[in-house]
Amino acid sequence: MHIAAGKFKAQCLSLMDHVRDTHEKIVITKRGQPVAQMVGVEPEPVTPLLGRFHGLVQVDGDIISSVWIDG
């Protein structure tokens, strides 16, 4: 879809909803020449809390027997 800059300015919020719902690209023109485009954004994947640090922590040796207990 191509739309003139003036019309885009007047309908910006409804066009944003349209792009979100349809994932259709909108090309904004000025004096008939394309100057910008509006495209939908893919939602970022949600990383579950459990397992978030998988691969970031390394255990070196036996962590149970190396704990010092004041006795």
Foldseek 3Di string as FASTA:
>chain_A
DEEEPVVCVVCVVVVVVVQQVPQDKYFYDYPRHTDDIDGDDDDDDDDDPVCPCVPVDDDDDDPVVPDDDDD
